[in-house]
Amino acid sequence: PMMQLLTAVLAAAAVAAADATLAVEGATVLDAGAMQLPAQVSAADCCSPLAYSTPAKVLRLVAGLRYKLSLRSPWGSLADDPSLVRLRLVAGGAVLDSTDCADSSEKVVSDFGGAYSSLDGLRPAFSASSTQNTWIEARVAFNGSYGLCYLADVSQPGTWQAVPNVTLQAFGAPRSE
């Protein structure tokens, strides 16, 4: 009986750990400030191309610019109510553990250099379906490598999920200390 109880506890822990990450194919991003055709974006030597029309794992961005960012999941693992969905920026690259997503985590980005960003964990998605969630006004304020955390239902704030296979690499604006 003790071995069965231990096995059940370990199995429950494995399920809980699996639920703490979000299965996505990748992310797409478009420079929202571009005035050309949708496929064209602001030119930058460091980050060309700035438009990822197919899901990517590493997205190179210019810090401070506005982007339209979409998470894609062909498996239908995303929430479909845009008013409930949130996305949060976390310093340090791809997030592998949902503890990095917690409100108390030092990795959660709260400084957006005074600019509005829908990646602050407070703003709803612009649109949502089970296969794609989109945020407009997505901004990374400073140079660095960042990961994403996903919240499917804002009424359950303790249920942030790590997005383990997407990294935002921002270039351009250094943080002034």
C-alpha atoms as a PDB file:
ATOM      1  CA  PRO A   1       0.000   0.000   0.000  1.00  0.00           C
ATOM      2  CA  MET A   2       2.821   2.429   0.833  1.00  0.00           C
ATOM      3  CA  MET A   3       4.477   1.813  -2.569  1.00  0.00           C
ATOM      4  CA  GLN A   4       1.144   2.337  -4.351  1.00  0.00           C
ATOM      5  CA  LEU A   5       0.623   5.607  -2.471  1.00  0.00           C
ATOM      6  CA  LEU A   6       4.130   6.782  -3.377  1.00  0.00           C
ATOM      7  CA  THR A   7       3.554   5.843  -7.023  1.00  0.00           C
ATOM      8  CA  ALA A   8       0.252   7.762  -7.063  1.00  0.00           C
ATOM      9  CA  VAL A   9       1.883  10.848  -5.519  1.00  0.00           C
ATOM     10  CA  LEU A  10       4.743  10.759  -8.040  1.00  0.00           C
ATOM     11  CA  ALA A  11       2.306  10.341 -10.930  1.00  0.00           C
ATOM     12  CA  ALA A  12       0.238  13.314  -9.707  1.00  0.00           C
ATOM     13  CA  ALA A  13       3.400  15.424  -9.400  1.00  0.00           C
ATOM     14  CA  ALA A  14       4.427  14.497 -12.951  1.00  0.00           C
ATOM     15  CA  VAL A  15       0.995  15.532 -14.274  1.00  0.00           C
ATOM     16  CA  ALA A  16       1.162  18.822 -12.354  1.00  0.00           C
ATOM     17  CA  ALA A  17       4.651  19.515 -13.716  1.00  0.00           C
ATOM     18  CA  ALA A  18       3.503  18.747 -17.257  1.00  0.00           C
ATOM     19  CA  ASP A  19       0.539  21.133 -16.847  1.00  0.00           C
ATOM     20  CA  ALA A  20       2.908  23.948 -15.808  1.00  0.00           C
ATOM     21  CA  THR A  21       4.186  24.350 -19.370  1.00  0.00           C
ATOM     22  CA  LEU A  22       2.283  25.329 -22.487  1.00  0.00           C
ATOM     23  CA  ALA A  23       2.704  23.367 -25.714  1.00  0.00           C
ATOM     24  CA  VAL A  24       3.114  25.823 -28.577  1.00  0.00           C
ATOM     25  CA  GLU A  25       4.646  25.399 -32.006  1.00  0.00           C
ATOM     26  CA  GLY A  26       6.312  28.793 -31.695  1.00  0.00           C
ATOM     27  CA  ALA A  27       5.474  32.458 -32.082  1.00  0.00           C
ATOM     28  CA  THR A  28       5.031  34.859 -34.966  1.00  0.00           C
ATOM     29  CA  VAL A  29       5.767  38.571 -34.819  1.00  0.00           C
ATOM     30  CA  LEU A  30       5.232  41.577 -37.078  1.00  0.00           C
ATOM     31  CA  ASP A  31       6.580  45.101 -36.632  1.00  0.00           C
ATOM     32  CA  ALA A  32       3.314  46.915 -35.867  1.00  0.00           C
ATOM     33  CA  GLY A  33       4.849  50.292 -36.681  1.00  0.00           C
ATOM     34  CA  ALA A  34       5.730  49.380 -40.263  1.00  0.00           C
ATOM     35  CA  MET A  35       3.988  51.547 -42.853  1.00  0.00           C
ATOM     36  CA  GLN A  36       4.827  49.293 -45.821  1.00  0.00           C
ATOM     37  CA  LEU A  37       3.146  46.076 -46.884  1.00  0.00           C
ATOM     38  CA  PRO A  38       2.454  43.736 -43.944  1.00  0.00           C
ATOM     39  CA  ALA A  39       5.414  41.550 -44.942  1.00  0.00           C
ATOM     40  CA  GLN A  40       7.775  44.546 -44.771  1.00  0.00           C
ATOM     41  CA  VAL A  41       9.190  45.785 -41.492  1.00  0.00           C
ATOM     42  CA  SER A  42      11.594  48.400 -40.174  1.00  0.00           C
ATOM     43  CA  ALA A  43      15.133  47.719 -41.350  1.00  0.00           C
ATOM     44  CA  ALA A  44      17.737  46.821 -38.746  1.00  0.00           C
ATOM     45  CA  ASP A  45      21.059  45.075 -39.354  1.00  0.00           C
ATOM     46  CA  CYS A  46      20.940  43.250 -36.035  1.00  0.00           C
ATOM     47  CA  CYS A  47      17.583  41.674 -36.412  1.00  0.00           C
ATOM     48  CA  SER A  48      16.662  41.072 -40.000  1.00  0.00           C
ATOM     49  CA  PRO A  49      14.092  39.770 -40.608  1.00  0.00           C
ATOM     50  CA  LEU A  50      11.801  41.443 -38.103  1.00  0.00           C
ATOM     51  CA  ALA A  51       8.762  39.600 -39.423  1.00  0.00           C
ATOM     52  CA  TYR A  52       8.271  35.942 -38.640  1.00  0.00           C
ATOM     53  CA  SER A  53       5.233  34.784 -40.564  1.00  0.00           C
ATOM     54  CA  THR A  54       5.855  31.152 -39.656  1.00  0.00           C
ATOM     55  CA  PRO A  55       6.261  30.091 -36.025  1.00  0.00           C
ATOM     56  CA  ALA A  56       9.785  30.508 -34.699  1.00  0.00           C
ATOM     57  CA  LYS A  57      11.487  29.491 -31.478  1.00  0.00           C
ATOM     58  CA  VAL A  58      13.845  32.503 -31.289  1.00  0.00           C
ATOM     59  CA  LEU A  59      12.496  35.896 -32.312  1.00  0.00           C
ATOM     60  CA  ARG A  60      15.009  38.723 -32.794  1.00  0.00           C
ATOM     61  CA  LEU A  61      13.449  42.102 -32.049  1.00  0.00           C
ATOM     62  CA  VAL A  62      14.464  45.730 -31.747  1.00  0.00           C
ATOM     63  CA  ALA A  63      13.909  46.882 -28.162  1.00  0.00           C
ATOM     64  CA  GLY A  64      11.293  49.610 -27.853  1.00  0.00           C
ATOM     65  CA  LEU A  65       9.406  48.933 -31.100  1.00  0.00           C
ATOM     66  CA  ARG A  66       5.758  47.856 -31.103  1.00  0.00           C
ATOM     67  CA  TYR A  67       5.045  44.355 -32.381  1.00  0.00           C
ATOM     68  CA  LYS A  68       2.036  42.186 -33.023  1.00  0.00           C
ATOM     69  CA  LEU A  69       2.948  38.873 -31.380  1.00  0.00           C
ATOM     70  CA  SER A  70       1.055  35.610 -31.794  1.00  0.00           C
ATOM     71  CA  LEU A  71       1.489  32.274 -30.074  1.00  0.00           C
ATOM     72  CA  ARG A  72       0.549  29.330 -32.275  1.00  0.00           C
ATOM     73  CA  SER A  73      -0.540  25.855 -31.246  1.00  0.00           C
ATOM     74  CA  PRO A  74      -1.760  23.395 -33.877  1.00  0.00           C
ATOM     75  CA  TRP A  75      -2.786  21.138 -30.969  1.00  0.00           C
ATOM     76  CA  GLY A  76      -5.445  23.576 -29.751  1.00  0.00           C
ATOM     77  CA  SER A  77      -3.792  24.101 -26.352  1.00  0.00           C
ATOM     78  CA  LEU A  78      -4.538  27.842 -26.149  1.00  0.00           C
ATOM     79  CA  ALA A  79      -7.488  29.548 -24.467  1.00  0.00           C
ATOM     80  CA  ASP A  80     -10.119  31.058 -26.751  1.00  0.00           C
ATOM     81  CA  ASP A  81     -11.412  34.021 -24.715  1.00  0.00           C
ATOM     82  CA  PRO A  82      -9.177  37.058 -25.377  1.00  0.00           C
ATOM     83  CA  SER A  83     -10.472  38.935 -22.326  1.00  0.00           C
ATOM     84  CA  LEU A  84      -9.108  36.218 -20.002  1.00  0.00           C
ATOM     85  CA  VAL A  85      -5.719  35.470 -21.616  1.00  0.00           C
ATOM     86  CA  ARG A  86      -2.491  37.169 -20.497  1.00  0.00           C
ATOM     87  CA  LEU A  87       1.165  37.025 -21.556  1.00  0.00           C
ATOM     88  CA  ARG A  88       4.078  37.944 -19.301  1.00  0.00           C
ATOM     89  CA  LEU A  89       7.710  38.700 -20.117  1.00  0.00           C
ATOM     90  CA  VAL A  90      10.408  36.969 -18.052  1.00  0.00           C
ATOM     91  CA  ALA A  91      14.122  37.863 -18.115  1.00  0.00           C
ATOM     92  CA  GLY A  92      16.723  35.265 -19.017  1.00  0.00           C
ATOM     93  CA  GLY A  93      15.485  33.456 -22.126  1.00  0.00           C
ATOM     94  CA  ALA A  94      13.069  30.582 -22.567  1.00  0.00           C
ATOM     95  CA  VAL A  95      11.202  29.733 -19.376  1.00  0.00           C
ATOM     96  CA  LEU A  96      11.511  26.076 -18.447  1.00  0.00           C
ATOM     97  CA  ASP A  97       9.840  26.172 -15.049  1.00  0.00           C
ATOM     98  CA  SER A  98       6.565  27.840 -14.098  1.00  0.00           C
ATOM     99  CA  THR A  99       8.108  29.049 -10.806  1.00  0.00           C
ATOM    100  CA  ASP A 100       9.837  31.711 -12.939  1.00  0.00           C
ATOM    101  CA  CYS A 101       6.355  32.911 -13.916  1.00  0.00           C
ATOM    102  CA  ALA A 102       5.035  33.476 -10.384  1.00  0.00           C
ATOM    103  CA  ASP A 103       4.201  37.003  -9.247  1.00  0.00           C
ATOM    104  CA  SER A 104       6.957  36.710  -6.643  1.00  0.00           C
ATOM    105  CA  SER A 105       9.660  35.726  -9.168  1.00  0.00           C
ATOM    106  CA  GLU A 106      12.529  38.167  -9.638  1.00  0.00           C
ATOM    107  CA  LYS A 107      12.604  37.177 -13.317  1.00  0.00           C
ATOM    108  CA  VAL A 108       9.184  38.687 -14.090  1.00  0.00           C
ATOM    109  CA  VAL A 109       9.713  41.910 -16.050  1.00  0.00           C
ATOM    110  CA  SER A 110       7.907  44.921 -14.626  1.00  0.00           C
ATOM    111  CA  ASP A 111      10.037  47.747 -16.106  1.00  0.00           C
ATOM    112  CA  PHE A 112       8.977  48.627 -19.632  1.00  0.00           C
ATOM    113  CA  GLY A 113      10.780  51.976 -19.652  1.00  0.00           C
ATOM    114  CA  GLY A 114       7.545  53.890 -19.204  1.00  0.00           C
ATOM    115  CA  ALA A 115       6.096  52.452 -22.435  1.00  0.00           C
ATOM    116  CA  TYR A 116       2.828  50.549 -22.764  1.00  0.00           C
ATOM    117  CA  SER A 117       3.332  46.833 -23.449  1.00  0.00           C
ATOM    118  CA  SER A 118       0.784  44.054 -23.695  1.00  0.00           C
ATOM    119  CA  LEU A 119       3.512  41.699 -22.398  1.00  0.00           C
ATOM    120  CA  ASP A 120       3.164  43.046 -18.854  1.00  0.00           C
ATOM    121  CA  GLY A 121       0.849  40.247 -17.709  1.00  0.00           C
ATOM    122  CA  LEU A 122      -1.977  42.723 -17.116  1.00  0.00           C
ATOM    123  CA  ARG A 123      -3.381  43.284 -20.607  1.00  0.00           C
ATOM    124  CA  PRO A 124      -5.738  40.887 -22.423  1.00  0.00           C
ATOM    125  CA  ALA A 125      -5.027  39.364 -25.798  1.00  0.00           C
ATOM    126  CA  PHE A 126      -6.271  41.220 -28.868  1.00  0.00           C
ATOM    127  CA  SER A 127      -7.713  38.005 -30.287  1.00  0.00           C
ATOM    128  CA  ALA A 128      -7.785  34.370 -29.224  1.00  0.00           C
ATOM    129  CA  SER A 129      -8.656  30.940 -30.534  1.00  0.00           C
ATOM    130  CA  SER A 130      -7.538  27.504 -29.400  1.00  0.00           C
ATOM    131  CA  THR A 131      -4.820  27.554 -32.086  1.00  0.00           C
ATOM    132  CA  GLN A 132      -3.646  31.190 -31.988  1.00  0.00           C
ATOM    133  CA  ASN A 133      -3.576  34.016 -29.436  1.00  0.00           C
ATOM    134  CA  THR A 134      -2.466  37.495 -30.559  1.00  0.00           C
ATOM    135  CA  TRP A 135      -1.278  40.546 -28.625  1.00  0.00           C
ATOM    136  CA  ILE A 136      -0.816  43.965 -30.208  1.00  0.00           C
ATOM    137  CA  GLU A 137       1.390  46.645 -28.661  1.00  0.00           C
ATOM    138  CA  ALA A 138       3.835  43.930 -27.583  1.00  0.00           C
ATOM    139  CA  ARG A 139       7.063  45.685 -26.582  1.00  0.00           C
ATOM    140  CA  VAL A 140      10.367  44.641 -25.060  1.00  0.00           C
ATOM    141  CA  ALA A 141      11.901  47.778 -23.571  1.00  0.00           C
ATOM    142  CA  PHE A 142      15.572  46.812 -23.214  1.00  0.00           C
ATOM    143  CA  ASN A 143      18.349  44.629 -24.663  1.00  0.00           C
ATOM    144  CA  GLY A 144      18.340  41.073 -23.464  1.00  0.00           C
ATOM    145  CA  SER A 145      16.997  37.590 -23.747  1.00  0.00           C
ATOM    146  CA  TYR A 146      13.443  37.019 -22.546  1.00  0.00           C
ATOM    147  CA  GLY A 147      10.986  34.185 -22.165  1.00  0.00           C
ATOM    148  CA  LEU A 148       7.206  34.146 -22.009  1.00  0.00           C
ATOM    149  CA  CYS A 149       4.664  33.019 -19.452  1.00  0.00           C
ATOM    150  CA  TYR A 150       1.033  32.367 -20.370  1.00  0.00           C
ATOM    151  CA  LEU A 151      -2.125  32.707 -18.290  1.00  0.00           C
ATOM    152  CA  ALA A 152      -5.246  31.127 -19.775  1.00  0.00           C
ATOM    153  CA  ASP A 153      -7.677  32.595 -17.242  1.00  0.00           C
ATOM    154  CA  VAL A 154      -7.057  35.874 -15.394  1.00  0.00           C
ATOM    155  CA  SER A 155      -9.488  34.751 -12.650  1.00  0.00           C
ATOM    156  CA  GLN A 156      -6.901  32.086 -11.713  1.00  0.00           C
ATOM    157  CA  PRO A 157      -3.747  34.213 -11.208  1.00  0.00           C
ATOM    158  CA  GLY A 158      -1.651  31.411  -9.696  1.00  0.00           C
ATOM    159  CA  THR A 159      -1.810  29.292 -12.846  1.00  0.00           C
ATOM    160  CA  TRP A 160       0.845  30.932 -15.055  1.00  0.00           C
ATOM    161  CA  GLN A 161       2.380  28.444 -17.505  1.00  0.00           C
ATOM    162  CA  ALA A 162       5.914  28.520 -18.853  1.00  0.00           C
ATOM    163  CA  VAL A 163       6.255  28.740 -22.641  1.00  0.00           C
ATOM    164  CA  PRO A 164       9.442  26.654 -22.853  1.00  0.00           C
ATOM    165  CA  ASN A 165      10.241  26.892 -26.541  1.00  0.00           C
ATOM    166  CA  VAL A 166      10.007  30.620 -27.331  1.00  0.00           C
ATOM    167  CA  THR A 167      12.770  33.172 -26.686  1.00  0.00           C
ATOM    168  CA  LEU A 168      12.629  36.876 -27.516  1.00  0.00           C
ATOM    169  CA  GLN A 169      16.086  38.305 -28.193  1.00  0.00           C
ATOM    170  CA  ALA A 170      15.930  42.114 -28.049  1.00  0.00           C
ATOM    171  CA  PHE A 171      18.627  44.427 -29.414  1.00  0.00           C
ATOM    172  CA  GLY A 172      19.059  48.175 -29.362  1.00  0.00           C
ATOM    173  CA  ALA A 173      18.081  49.934 -26.157  1.00  0.00           C
ATOM    174  CA  PRO A 174      20.450  49.365 -23.244  1.00  0.00           C
ATOM    175  CA  ARG A 175      19.051  49.671 -19.741  1.00  0.00           C
ATOM    176  CA  SER A 176      20.426  52.742 -17.990  1.00  0.00           C
ATOM    177  CA  GLU A 177      21.333  52.049 -14.393  1.00  0.00           C
END
